[in-house]
Amino acid sequence: MTTRPAAKQDDASLGEVVEFVKAYARQEVVGPLKGAGRWIAFGAAGAFTLGLGLVFLLLGLLRVLQYEWEFSSSGSSSWLAYLIALVATLVLLGLTLWRISKSTLNNEPK
């Protein structure tokens, strides 16, 4: 009669394996998510303040053109101030989209 060898005992118990998985998940998931939240919060705050400042700047440009430039203050050419403000807006939008370059959350250079 042959006897089977005893089952090899693992060094780690089930509870330790669960703790290792929890620690790994905390390290690899929770840590980067905290960094992403901070990155999004600072980005949103910066975008809001920059956008608000640009709106005021463009509104100021429009008002200066309407009240100080005699050619567009009255008559059939009053739309010209709006066209100039629109072109300035499109130029600023183009510059903004051209300068967006950060595509990842990682700080590592490519």
PDB file of N, CA and C in Angstrom:
ATOM      1  N   MET A   1       0.834  -1.145   0.000  1.00  0.00           N
ATOM      2  CA  MET A   1       0.000   0.000   0.000  1.00  0.00           C
ATOM      3  C   MET A   1       0.898   1.233   0.000  1.00  0.00           C
ATOM      4  N   THR A   2       0.568   2.164  -0.915  1.00  0.00           N
ATOM      5  CA  THR A   2       1.371   3.377  -1.021  1.00  0.00           C
ATOM      6  C   THR A   2       0.723   4.485  -0.214  1.00  0.00           C
ATOM      7  N   THR A   3       1.517   5.229   0.368  1.00  0.00           N
ATOM      8  CA  THR A   3       0.987   6.354   1.135  1.00  0.00           C
ATOM      9  C   THR A   3       1.248   7.636   0.364  1.00  0.00           C
ATOM     10  N   ARG A   4       0.289   8.471   0.451  1.00  0.00           N
ATOM     11  CA  ARG A   4       0.443   9.765  -0.211  1.00  0.00           C
ATOM     12  C   ARG A   4       1.250  10.691   0.684  1.00  0.00           C
ATOM     13  N   PRO A   5       2.080  11.538   0.065  1.00  0.00           N
ATOM     14  CA  PRO A   5       2.841  12.474   0.888  1.00  0.00           C
ATOM     15  C   PRO A   5       1.895  13.522   1.494  1.00  0.00           C
ATOM     16  N   ALA A   6       2.253  13.994   2.622  1.00  0.00           N
ATOM     17  CA  ALA A   6       1.431  14.995   3.294  1.00  0.00           C
ATOM     18  C   ALA A   6       1.389  16.268   2.462  1.00  0.00           C
ATOM     19  N   ALA A   7       0.254  16.939   2.513  1.00  0.00           N
ATOM     20  CA  ALA A   7       0.092  18.173   1.751  1.00  0.00           C
ATOM     21  C   ALA A   7       1.078  19.215   2.270  1.00  0.00           C
ATOM     22  N   LYS A   8       1.701  19.881   1.335  1.00  0.00           N
ATOM     23  CA  LYS A   8       2.686  20.889   1.697  1.00  0.00           C
ATOM     24  C   LYS A   8       1.958  22.081   2.318  1.00  0.00           C
ATOM     25  N   GLN A   9       2.421  22.519   3.443  1.00  0.00           N
ATOM     26  CA  GLN A   9       1.777  23.634   4.108  1.00  0.00           C
ATOM     27  C   GLN A   9       2.353  24.935   3.565  1.00  0.00           C
ATOM     28  N   ASP A  10       1.452  25.865   3.273  1.00  0.00           N
ATOM     29  CA  ASP A  10       1.879  27.171   2.786  1.00  0.00           C
ATOM     30  C   ASP A  10       2.372  28.000   3.959  1.00  0.00           C
ATOM     31  N   ASP A  11       3.300  28.890   3.649  1.00  0.00           N
ATOM     32  CA  ASP A  11       3.835  29.750   4.696  1.00  0.00           C
ATOM     33  C   ASP A  11       2.834  30.839   5.085  1.00  0.00           C
ATOM     34  N   ALA A  12       2.005  31.292   4.134  1.00  0.00           N
ATOM     35  CA  ALA A  12       1.065  32.379   4.406  1.00  0.00           C
ATOM     36  C   ALA A  12      -0.340  31.809   4.599  1.00  0.00           C
ATOM     37  N   SER A  13      -0.993  32.289   5.616  1.00  0.00           N
ATOM     38  CA  SER A  13      -2.361  31.848   5.842  1.00  0.00           C
ATOM     39  C   SER A  13      -3.302  32.687   4.978  1.00  0.00           C
ATOM     40  N   LEU A  14      -4.541  32.323   4.936  1.00  0.00           N
ATOM     41  CA  LEU A  14      -5.527  33.040   4.139  1.00  0.00           C
ATOM     42  C   LEU A  14      -5.682  34.478   4.622  1.00  0.00           C
ATOM     43  N   GLY A  15      -5.654  34.692   5.920  1.00  0.00           N
ATOM     44  CA  GLY A  15      -5.772  36.041   6.474  1.00  0.00           C
ATOM     45  C   GLY A  15      -4.617  36.930   6.045  1.00  0.00           C
ATOM     46  N   GLU A  16      -3.413  36.373   5.987  1.00  0.00           N
ATOM     47  CA  GLU A  16      -2.261  37.166   5.552  1.00  0.00           C
ATOM     48  C   GLU A  16      -2.365  37.524   4.084  1.00  0.00           C
ATOM     49  N   VAL A  17      -2.863  36.586   3.288  1.00  0.00           N
ATOM     50  CA  VAL A  17      -3.032  36.859   1.859  1.00  0.00           C
ATOM     51  C   VAL A  17      -4.034  37.993   1.653  1.00  0.00           C
ATOM     52  N   VAL A  18      -5.120  37.962   2.410  1.00  0.00           N
ATOM     53  CA  VAL A  18      -6.123  39.021   2.306  1.00  0.00           C
ATOM     54  C   VAL A  18      -5.509  40.354   2.709  1.00  0.00           C
ATOM     55  N   GLU A  19      -4.721  40.385   3.754  1.00  0.00           N
ATOM     56  CA  GLU A  19      -4.065  41.616   4.187  1.00  0.00           C
ATOM     57  C   GLU A  19      -3.074  42.115   3.129  1.00  0.00           C
ATOM     58  N   PHE A  20      -2.348  41.209   2.495  1.00  0.00           N
ATOM     59  CA  PHE A  20      -1.428  41.607   1.421  1.00  0.00           C
ATOM     60  C   PHE A  20      -2.183  42.227   0.253  1.00  0.00           C
ATOM     61  N   VAL A  21      -3.320  41.638  -0.104  1.00  0.00           N
ATOM     62  CA  VAL A  21      -4.126  42.172  -1.210  1.00  0.00           C
ATOM     63  C   VAL A  21      -4.684  43.544  -0.852  1.00  0.00           C
ATOM     64  N   LYS A  22      -5.140  43.721   0.385  1.00  0.00           N
ATOM     65  CA  LYS A  22      -5.650  45.027   0.819  1.00  0.00           C
ATOM     66  C   LYS A  22      -4.548  46.082   0.780  1.00  0.00           C
ATOM     67  N   ALA A  23      -3.386  45.718   1.267  1.00  0.00           N
ATOM     68  CA  ALA A  23      -2.270  46.675   1.270  1.00  0.00           C
ATOM     69  C   ALA A  23      -1.867  47.041  -0.152  1.00  0.00           C
ATOM     70  N   TYR A  24      -1.848  46.056  -1.033  1.00  0.00           N
ATOM     71  CA  TYR A  24      -1.502  46.319  -2.431  1.00  0.00           C
ATOM     72  C   TYR A  24      -2.548  47.225  -3.081  1.00  0.00           C
ATOM     73  N   ALA A  25      -3.822  46.966  -2.829  1.00  0.00           N
ATOM     74  CA  ALA A  25      -4.887  47.796  -3.404  1.00  0.00           C
ATOM     75  C   ALA A  25      -4.793  49.216  -2.876  1.00  0.00           C
ATOM     76  N   ARG A  26      -4.511  49.357  -1.592  1.00  0.00           N
ATOM     77  CA  ARG A  26      -4.356  50.688  -1.017  1.00  0.00           C
ATOM     78  C   ARG A  26      -3.189  51.429  -1.676  1.00  0.00           C
ATOM     79  N   GLN A  27      -2.100  50.741  -1.870  1.00  0.00           N
ATOM     80  CA  GLN A  27      -0.915  51.360  -2.447  1.00  0.00           C
ATOM     81  C   GLN A  27      -1.116  51.726  -3.910  1.00  0.00           C
ATOM     82  N   GLU A  28      -1.712  50.855  -4.675  1.00  0.00           N
ATOM     83  CA  GLU A  28      -1.795  51.034  -6.123  1.00  0.00           C
ATOM     84  C   GLU A  28      -3.060  51.735  -6.601  1.00  0.00           C
ATOM     85  N   VAL A  29      -4.087  51.814  -5.789  1.00  0.00           N
ATOM     86  CA  VAL A  29      -5.347  52.418  -6.221  1.00  0.00           C
ATOM     87  C   VAL A  29      -5.650  53.698  -5.444  1.00  0.00           C
ATOM     88  N   VAL A  30      -5.644  53.610  -4.153  1.00  0.00           N
ATOM     89  CA  VAL A  30      -6.052  54.749  -3.335  1.00  0.00           C
ATOM     90  C   VAL A  30      -5.039  55.883  -3.435  1.00  0.00           C
ATOM     91  N   GLY A  31      -3.747  55.579  -3.389  1.00  0.00           N
ATOM     92  CA  GLY A  31      -2.716  56.606  -3.484  1.00  0.00           C
ATOM     93  C   GLY A  31      -2.807  57.423  -4.764  1.00  0.00           C
ATOM     94  N   PRO A  32      -2.814  56.795  -5.931  1.00  0.00           N
ATOM     95  CA  PRO A  32      -2.952  57.570  -7.166  1.00  0.00           C
ATOM     96  C   PRO A  32      -4.278  58.324  -7.282  1.00  0.00           C
ATOM     97  N   LEU A  33      -5.360  57.786  -6.706  1.00  0.00           N
ATOM     98  CA  LEU A  33      -6.641  58.496  -6.756  1.00  0.00           C
ATOM     99  C   LEU A  33      -6.603  59.774  -5.926  1.00  0.00           C
ATOM    100  N   LYS A  34      -5.882  59.752  -4.801  1.00  0.00           N
ATOM    101  CA  LYS A  34      -5.731  60.970  -4.008  1.00  0.00           C
ATOM    102  C   LYS A  34      -4.967  62.015  -4.815  1.00  0.00           C
ATOM    103  N   GLY A  35      -3.924  61.580  -5.505  1.00  0.00           N
ATOM    104  CA  GLY A  35      -3.168  62.500  -6.354  1.00  0.00           C
ATOM    105  C   GLY A  35      -4.010  63.037  -7.495  1.00  0.00           C
ATOM    106  N   ALA A  36      -4.866  62.197  -8.055  1.00  0.00           N
ATOM    107  CA  ALA A  36      -5.732  62.638  -9.149  1.00  0.00           C
ATOM    108  C   ALA A  36      -6.756  63.651  -8.660  1.00  0.00           C
ATOM    109  N   GLY A  37      -7.286  63.444  -7.472  1.00  0.00           N
ATOM    110  CA  GLY A  37      -8.244  64.401  -6.921  1.00  0.00           C
ATOM    111  C   GLY A  37      -7.615  65.764  -6.703  1.00  0.00           C
ATOM    112  N   ARG A  38      -6.398  65.779  -6.188  1.00  0.00           N
ATOM    113  CA  ARG A  38      -5.692  67.033  -5.965  1.00  0.00           C
ATOM    114  C   ARG A  38      -5.391  67.709  -7.303  1.00  0.00           C
ATOM    115  N   TRP A  39      -4.984  66.922  -8.282  1.00  0.00           N
ATOM    116  CA  TRP A  39      -4.671  67.440  -9.615  1.00  0.00           C
ATOM    117  C   TRP A  39      -5.921  68.054 -10.260  1.00  0.00           C
ATOM    118  N   ILE A  40      -7.042  67.374 -10.119  1.00  0.00           N
ATOM    119  CA  ILE A  40      -8.298  67.870 -10.692  1.00  0.00           C
ATOM    120  C   ILE A  40      -8.767  69.129  -9.952  1.00  0.00           C
ATOM    121  N   ALA A  41      -8.629  69.150  -8.623  1.00  0.00           N
ATOM    122  CA  ALA A  41      -9.077  70.308  -7.850  1.00  0.00           C
ATOM    123  C   ALA A  41      -8.278  71.558  -8.210  1.00  0.00           C
ATOM    124  N   PHE A  42      -6.952  71.443  -8.266  1.00  0.00           N
ATOM    125  CA  PHE A  42      -6.137  72.601  -8.633  1.00  0.00           C
ATOM    126  C   PHE A  42      -6.381  73.012 -10.084  1.00  0.00           C
ATOM    127  N   GLY A  43      -6.573  72.042 -10.953  1.00  0.00           N
ATOM    128  CA  GLY A  43      -6.861  72.361 -12.349  1.00  0.00           C
ATOM    129  C   GLY A  43      -8.195  73.061 -12.522  1.00  0.00           C
ATOM    130  N   ALA A  44      -9.202  72.602 -11.805  1.00  0.00           N
ATOM    131  CA  ALA A  44     -10.525  73.228 -11.898  1.00  0.00           C
ATOM    132  C   ALA A  44     -10.511  74.644 -11.323  1.00  0.00           C
ATOM    133  N   ALA A  45      -9.816  74.820 -10.193  1.00  0.00           N
ATOM    134  CA  ALA A  45      -9.725  76.159  -9.604  1.00  0.00           C
ATOM    135  C   ALA A  45      -8.971  77.113 -10.533  1.00  0.00           C
ATOM    136  N   GLY A  46      -7.885  76.637 -11.116  1.00  0.00           N
ATOM    137  CA  GLY A  46      -7.130  77.472 -12.051  1.00  0.00           C
ATOM    138  C   GLY A  46      -7.923  77.792 -13.303  1.00  0.00           C
ATOM    139  N   ALA A  47      -8.629  76.811 -13.832  1.00  0.00           N
ATOM    140  CA  ALA A  47      -9.432  77.045 -15.033  1.00  0.00           C
ATOM    141  C   ALA A  47     -10.557  78.038 -14.760  1.00  0.00           C
ATOM    142  N   PHE A  48     -11.179  77.928 -13.588  1.00  0.00           N
ATOM    143  CA  PHE A  48     -12.261  78.844 -13.245  1.00  0.00           C
ATOM    144  C   PHE A  48     -11.750  80.276 -13.131  1.00  0.00           C
ATOM    145  N   THR A  49     -10.662  80.471 -12.387  1.00  0.00           N
ATOM    146  CA  THR A  49     -10.158  81.837 -12.205  1.00  0.00           C
ATOM    147  C   THR A  49      -9.606  82.414 -13.494  1.00  0.00           C
ATOM    148  N   LEU A  50      -8.926  81.605 -14.278  1.00  0.00           N
ATOM    149  CA  LEU A  50      -8.419  82.086 -15.564  1.00  0.00           C
ATOM    150  C   LEU A  50      -9.571  82.413 -16.508  1.00  0.00           C
ATOM    151  N   GLY A  51     -10.577  81.569 -16.549  1.00  0.00           N
ATOM    152  CA  GLY A  51     -11.740  81.831 -17.394  1.00  0.00           C
ATOM    153  C   GLY A  51     -12.485  83.083 -16.986  1.00  0.00           C
ATOM    154  N   LEU A  52     -12.665  83.273 -15.691  1.00  0.00           N
ATOM    155  CA  LEU A  52     -13.344  84.466 -15.205  1.00  0.00           C
ATOM    156  C   LEU A  52     -12.545  85.728 -15.545  1.00  0.00           C
ATOM    157  N   GLY A  53     -11.235  85.654 -15.378  1.00  0.00           N
ATOM    158  CA  GLY A  53     -10.393  86.798 -15.721  1.00  0.00           C
ATOM    159  C   GLY A  53     -10.443  87.121 -17.205  1.00  0.00           C
ATOM    160  N   LEU A  54     -10.451  86.094 -18.046  1.00  0.00           N
ATOM    161  CA  LEU A  54     -10.511  86.330 -19.490  1.00  0.00           C
ATOM    162  C   LEU A  54     -11.869  86.883 -19.914  1.00  0.00           C
ATOM    163  N   VAL A  55     -12.934  86.448 -19.268  1.00  0.00           N
ATOM    164  CA  VAL A  55     -14.259  87.002 -19.571  1.00  0.00           C
ATOM    165  C   VAL A  55     -14.283  88.492 -19.251  1.00  0.00           C
ATOM    166  N   PHE A  56     -13.758  88.867 -18.082  1.00  0.00           N
ATOM    167  CA  PHE A  56     -13.713  90.281 -17.726  1.00  0.00           C
ATOM    168  C   PHE A  56     -12.818  91.079 -18.669  1.00  0.00           C
ATOM    169  N   LEU A  57     -11.694  90.484 -19.075  1.00  0.00           N
ATOM    170  CA  LEU A  57     -10.792  91.150 -20.009  1.00  0.00           C
ATOM    171  C   LEU A  57     -11.468  91.387 -21.363  1.00  0.00           C
ATOM    172  N   LEU A  58     -12.144  90.392 -21.878  1.00  0.00           N
ATOM    173  CA  LEU A  58     -12.815  90.533 -23.167  1.00  0.00           C
ATOM    174  C   LEU A  58     -14.022  91.473 -23.081  1.00  0.00           C
ATOM    175  N   LEU A  59     -14.727  91.441 -21.970  1.00  0.00           N
ATOM    176  CA  LEU A  59     -15.825  92.376 -21.776  1.00  0.00           C
ATOM    177  C   LEU A  59     -15.303  93.813 -21.693  1.00  0.00           C
ATOM    178  N   GLY A  60     -14.174  93.986 -21.030  1.00  0.00           N
ATOM    179  CA  GLY A  60     -13.545  95.306 -20.977  1.00  0.00           C
ATOM    180  C   GLY A  60     -13.110  95.773 -22.354  1.00  0.00           C
ATOM    181  N   LEU A  61     -12.555  94.857 -23.153  1.00  0.00           N
ATOM    182  CA  LEU A  61     -12.170  95.207 -24.526  1.00  0.00           C
ATOM    183  C   LEU A  61     -13.388  95.651 -25.329  1.00  0.00           C
ATOM    184  N   LEU A  62     -14.480  94.923 -25.196  1.00  0.00           N
ATOM    185  CA  LEU A  62     -15.702  95.275 -25.923  1.00  0.00           C
ATOM    186  C   LEU A  62     -16.216  96.650 -25.500  1.00  0.00           C
ATOM    187  N   ARG A  63     -16.233  96.907 -24.198  1.00  0.00           N
ATOM    188  CA  ARG A  63     -16.729  98.203 -23.723  1.00  0.00           C
ATOM    189  C   ARG A  63     -15.816  99.347 -24.154  1.00  0.00           C
ATOM    190  N   VAL A  64     -14.519  99.143 -24.149  1.00  0.00           N
ATOM    191  CA  VAL A  64     -13.593 100.186 -24.613  1.00  0.00           C
ATOM    192  C   VAL A  64     -13.826 100.470 -26.089  1.00  0.00           C
ATOM    193  N   LEU A  65     -13.999  99.422 -26.861  1.00  0.00           N
ATOM    194  CA  LEU A  65     -14.243  99.622 -28.293  1.00  0.00           C
ATOM    195  C   LEU A  65     -15.569 100.346 -28.524  1.00  0.00           C
ATOM    196  N   GLN A  66     -16.583 100.047 -27.745  1.00  0.00           N
ATOM    197  CA  GLN A  66     -17.889 100.672 -27.937  1.00  0.00           C
ATOM    198  C   GLN A  66     -17.908 102.146 -27.531  1.00  0.00           C
ATOM    199  N   TYR A  67     -17.218 102.477 -26.465  1.00  0.00           N
ATOM    200  CA  TYR A  67     -17.331 103.838 -25.937  1.00  0.00           C
ATOM    201  C   TYR A  67     -16.196 104.772 -26.337  1.00  0.00           C
ATOM    202  N   GLU A  68     -15.022 104.243 -26.639  1.00  0.00           N
ATOM    203  CA  GLU A  68     -13.880 105.106 -26.932  1.00  0.00           C
ATOM    204  C   GLU A  68     -13.563 105.201 -28.423  1.00  0.00           C
ATOM    205  N   TRP A  69     -13.979 104.233 -29.192  1.00  0.00           N
ATOM    206  CA  TRP A  69     -13.682 104.237 -30.617  1.00  0.00           C
ATOM    207  C   TRP A  69     -14.878 104.852 -31.336  1.00  0.00           C
ATOM    208  N   GLU A  70     -14.703 106.009 -31.883  1.00  0.00           N
ATOM    209  CA  GLU A  70     -15.823 106.753 -32.482  1.00  0.00           C
ATOM    210  C   GLU A  70     -16.438 106.030 -33.673  1.00  0.00           C
ATOM    211  N   PHE A  71     -15.643 105.265 -34.395  1.00  0.00           N
ATOM    212  CA  PHE A  71     -16.132 104.601 -35.604  1.00  0.00           C
ATOM    213  C   PHE A  71     -17.217 103.570 -35.278  1.00  0.00           C
ATOM    214  N   SER A  72     -17.088 102.900 -34.125  1.00  0.00           N
ATOM    215  CA  SER A  72     -18.062 101.845 -33.811  1.00  0.00           C
ATOM    216  C   SER A  72     -19.052 102.251 -32.728  1.00  0.00           C
ATOM    217  N   SER A  73     -19.073 103.526 -32.348  1.00  0.00           N
ATOM    218  CA  SER A  73     -19.972 103.927 -31.260  1.00  0.00           C
ATOM    219  C   SER A  73     -21.422 104.078 -31.709  1.00  0.00           C
ATOM    220  N   SER A  74     -21.639 104.367 -32.970  1.00  0.00           N
ATOM    221  CA  SER A  74     -23.031 104.520 -33.418  1.00  0.00           C
ATOM    222  C   SER A  74     -23.098 104.249 -34.914  1.00  0.00           C
ATOM    223  N   GLY A  75     -24.288 104.166 -35.402  1.00  0.00           N
ATOM    224  CA  GLY A  75     -24.489 103.993 -36.833  1.00  0.00           C
ATOM    225  C   GLY A  75     -24.471 102.535 -37.253  1.00  0.00           C
ATOM    226  N   SER A  76     -24.231 102.334 -38.536  1.00  0.00           N
ATOM    227  CA  SER A  76     -24.299 100.983 -39.092  1.00  0.00           C
ATOM    228  C   SER A  76     -23.041 100.159 -38.814  1.00  0.00           C
ATOM    229  N   SER A  77     -22.024 100.750 -38.251  1.00  0.00           N
ATOM    230  CA  SER A  77     -20.796  99.989 -37.961  1.00  0.00           C
ATOM    231  C   SER A  77     -20.660  99.634 -36.480  1.00  0.00           C
ATOM    232  N   SER A  78     -21.750  99.655 -35.735  1.00  0.00           N
ATOM    233  CA  SER A  78     -21.685  99.340 -34.304  1.00  0.00           C
ATOM    234  C   SER A  78     -21.376  97.860 -34.064  1.00  0.00           C
ATOM    235  N   TRP A  79     -21.593  97.010 -35.037  1.00  0.00           N
ATOM    236  CA  TRP A  79     -21.308  95.582 -34.918  1.00  0.00           C
ATOM    237  C   TRP A  79     -19.815  95.292 -34.972  1.00  0.00           C
ATOM    238  N   LEU A  80     -19.016  96.252 -35.407  1.00  0.00           N
ATOM    239  CA  LEU A  80     -17.583  96.036 -35.569  1.00  0.00           C
ATOM    240  C   LEU A  80     -16.891  95.768 -34.227  1.00  0.00           C
ATOM    241  N   ALA A  81     -17.328  96.404 -33.166  1.00  0.00           N
ATOM    242  CA  ALA A  81     -16.743  96.158 -31.837  1.00  0.00           C
ATOM    243  C   ALA A  81     -16.975  94.708 -31.411  1.00  0.00           C
ATOM    244  N   TYR A  82     -18.158  94.187 -31.704  1.00  0.00           N
ATOM    245  CA  TYR A  82     -18.454  92.793 -31.369  1.00  0.00           C
ATOM    246  C   TYR A  82     -17.594  91.838 -32.184  1.00  0.00           C
ATOM    247  N   LEU A  83     -17.370  92.169 -33.449  1.00  0.00           N
ATOM    248  CA  LEU A  83     -16.525  91.324 -34.296  1.00  0.00           C
ATOM    249  C   LEU A  83     -15.083  91.304 -33.782  1.00  0.00           C
ATOM    250  N   ILE A  84     -14.567  92.446 -33.386  1.00  0.00           N
ATOM    251  CA  ILE A  84     -13.197  92.494 -32.866  1.00  0.00           C
ATOM    252  C   ILE A  84     -13.092  91.710 -31.564  1.00  0.00           C
ATOM    253  N   ALA A  85     -14.077  91.829 -30.681  1.00  0.00           N
ATOM    254  CA  ALA A  85     -14.078  91.076 -29.422  1.00  0.00           C
ATOM    255  C   ALA A  85     -14.189  89.573 -29.696  1.00  0.00           C
ATOM    256  N   LEU A  86     -14.972  89.185 -30.698  1.00  0.00           N
ATOM    257  CA  LEU A  86     -15.089  87.775 -31.064  1.00  0.00           C
ATOM    258  C   LEU A  86     -13.772  87.236 -31.607  1.00  0.00           C
ATOM    259  N   VAL A  87     -13.098  88.002 -32.437  1.00  0.00           N
ATOM    260  CA  VAL A  87     -11.802  87.571 -32.978  1.00  0.00           C
ATOM    261  C   VAL A  87     -10.787  87.435 -31.843  1.00  0.00           C
ATOM    262  N   ALA A  88     -10.778  88.365 -30.898  1.00  0.00           N
ATOM    263  CA  ALA A  88      -9.877  88.273 -29.753  1.00  0.00           C
ATOM    264  C   ALA A  88     -10.183  87.027 -28.924  1.00  0.00           C
ATOM    265  N   THR A  89     -11.460  86.715 -28.769  1.00  0.00           N
ATOM    266  CA  THR A  89     -11.861  85.515 -28.039  1.00  0.00           C
ATOM    267  C   THR A  89     -11.357  84.264 -28.736  1.00  0.00           C
ATOM    268  N   LEU A  90     -11.518  84.204 -30.057  1.00  0.00           N
ATOM    269  CA  LEU A  90     -11.066  83.037 -30.811  1.00  0.00           C
ATOM    270  C   LEU A  90      -9.547  82.896 -30.775  1.00  0.00           C
ATOM    271  N   VAL A  91      -8.829  84.011 -30.786  1.00  0.00           N
ATOM    272  CA  VAL A  91      -7.364  83.958 -30.684  1.00  0.00           C
ATOM    273  C   VAL A  91      -6.954  83.409 -29.330  1.00  0.00           C
ATOM    274  N   LEU A  92      -7.589  83.899 -28.255  1.00  0.00           N
ATOM    275  CA  LEU A  92      -7.284  83.389 -26.918  1.00  0.00           C
ATOM    276  C   LEU A  92      -7.647  81.918 -26.776  1.00  0.00           C
ATOM    277  N   LEU A  93      -8.747  81.509 -27.358  1.00  0.00           N
ATOM    278  CA  LEU A  93      -9.137  80.095 -27.333  1.00  0.00           C
ATOM    279  C   LEU A  93      -8.119  79.242 -28.076  1.00  0.00           C
ATOM    280  N   GLY A  94      -7.676  79.703 -29.232  1.00  0.00           N
ATOM    281  CA  GLY A  94      -6.663  78.970 -29.985  1.00  0.00           C
ATOM    282  C   GLY A  94      -5.356  78.848 -29.224  1.00  0.00           C
ATOM    283  N   LEU A  95      -4.917  79.932 -28.576  1.00  0.00           N
ATOM    284  CA  LEU A  95      -3.695  79.875 -27.768  1.00  0.00           C
ATOM    285  C   LEU A  95      -3.837  78.909 -26.598  1.00  0.00           C
ATOM    286  N   THR A  96      -5.008  78.914 -25.988  1.00  0.00           N
ATOM    287  CA  THR A  96      -5.246  78.012 -24.860  1.00  0.00           C
ATOM    288  C   THR A  96      -5.193  76.556 -25.302  1.00  0.00           C
ATOM    289  N   LEU A  97      -5.869  76.231 -26.376  1.00  0.00           N
ATOM    290  CA  LEU A  97      -5.871  74.848 -26.858  1.00  0.00           C
ATOM    291  C   LEU A  97      -4.498  74.415 -27.345  1.00  0.00           C
ATOM    292  N   TRP A  98      -3.720  75.338 -27.863  1.00  0.00           N
ATOM    293  CA  TRP A  98      -2.379  75.021 -28.342  1.00  0.00           C
ATOM    294  C   TRP A  98      -1.449  74.704 -27.172  1.00  0.00           C
ATOM    295  N   ARG A  99      -1.660  75.356 -26.021  1.00  0.00           N
ATOM    296  CA  ARG A  99      -0.768  75.188 -24.877  1.00  0.00           C
ATOM    297  C   ARG A  99      -1.141  74.016 -23.971  1.00  0.00           C
ATOM    298  N   ILE A 100      -2.268  73.375 -24.190  1.00  0.00           N
ATOM    299  CA  ILE A 100      -2.633  72.224 -23.368  1.00  0.00           C
ATOM    300  C   ILE A 100      -1.756  71.061 -23.786  1.00  0.00           C
ATOM    301  N   SER A 101      -0.891  70.604 -22.851  1.00  0.00           N
ATOM    302  CA  SER A 101       0.038  69.540 -23.221  1.00  0.00           C
ATOM    303  C   SER A 101       0.094  68.420 -22.190  1.00  0.00           C
ATOM    304  N   LYS A 102      -0.354  68.635 -20.989  1.00  0.00           N
ATOM    305  CA  LYS A 102      -0.260  67.603 -19.947  1.00  0.00           C
ATOM    306  C   LYS A 102      -1.353  66.568 -20.186  1.00  0.00           C
ATOM    307  N   SER A 103      -0.952  65.337 -20.505  1.00  0.00           N
ATOM    308  CA  SER A 103      -1.940  64.338 -20.852  1.00  0.00           C
ATOM    309  C   SER A 103      -2.059  63.240 -19.783  1.00  0.00           C
ATOM    310  N   THR A 104      -1.150  63.212 -18.807  1.00  0.00           N
ATOM    311  CA  THR A 104      -1.221  62.179 -17.794  1.00  0.00           C
ATOM    312  C   THR A 104      -1.132  62.802 -16.405  1.00  0.00           C
ATOM    313  N   LEU A 105      -1.446  62.002 -15.412  1.00  0.00           N
ATOM    314  CA  LEU A 105      -1.351  62.448 -14.040  1.00  0.00           C
ATOM    315  C   LEU A 105       0.041  62.194 -13.453  1.00  0.00           C
ATOM    316  N   ASN A 106       0.818  61.366 -14.116  1.00  0.00           N
ATOM    317  CA  ASN A 106       2.129  61.014 -13.602  1.00  0.00           C
ATOM    318  C   ASN A 106       3.089  62.173 -13.715  1.00  0.00           C
ATOM    319  N   ASN A 107       4.019  62.254 -12.790  1.00  0.00           N
ATOM    320  CA  ASN A 107       5.030  63.298 -12.819  1.00  0.00           C
ATOM    321  C   ASN A 107       6.264  62.884 -13.599  1.00  0.00           C
ATOM    322  N   GLU A 108       6.284  61.646 -14.077  1.00  0.00           N
ATOM    323  CA  GLU A 108       7.446  61.142 -14.783  1.00  0.00           C
ATOM    324  C   GLU A 108       7.519  61.732 -16.177  1.00  0.00           C
ATOM    325  N   PRO A 109       8.702  62.213 -16.571  1.00  0.00           N
ATOM    326  CA  PRO A 109       8.840  62.718 -17.947  1.00  0.00           C
ATOM    327  C   PRO A 109       8.830  61.567 -18.931  1.00  0.00           C
ATOM    328  N   LYS A 110       8.369  61.875 -20.119  1.00  0.00           N
ATOM    329  CA  LYS A 110       8.290  60.826 -21.150  1.00  0.00           C
ATOM    330  C   LYS A 110       9.605  60.689 -21.865  1.00  0.00           C
TER     331      LYS A 110
END
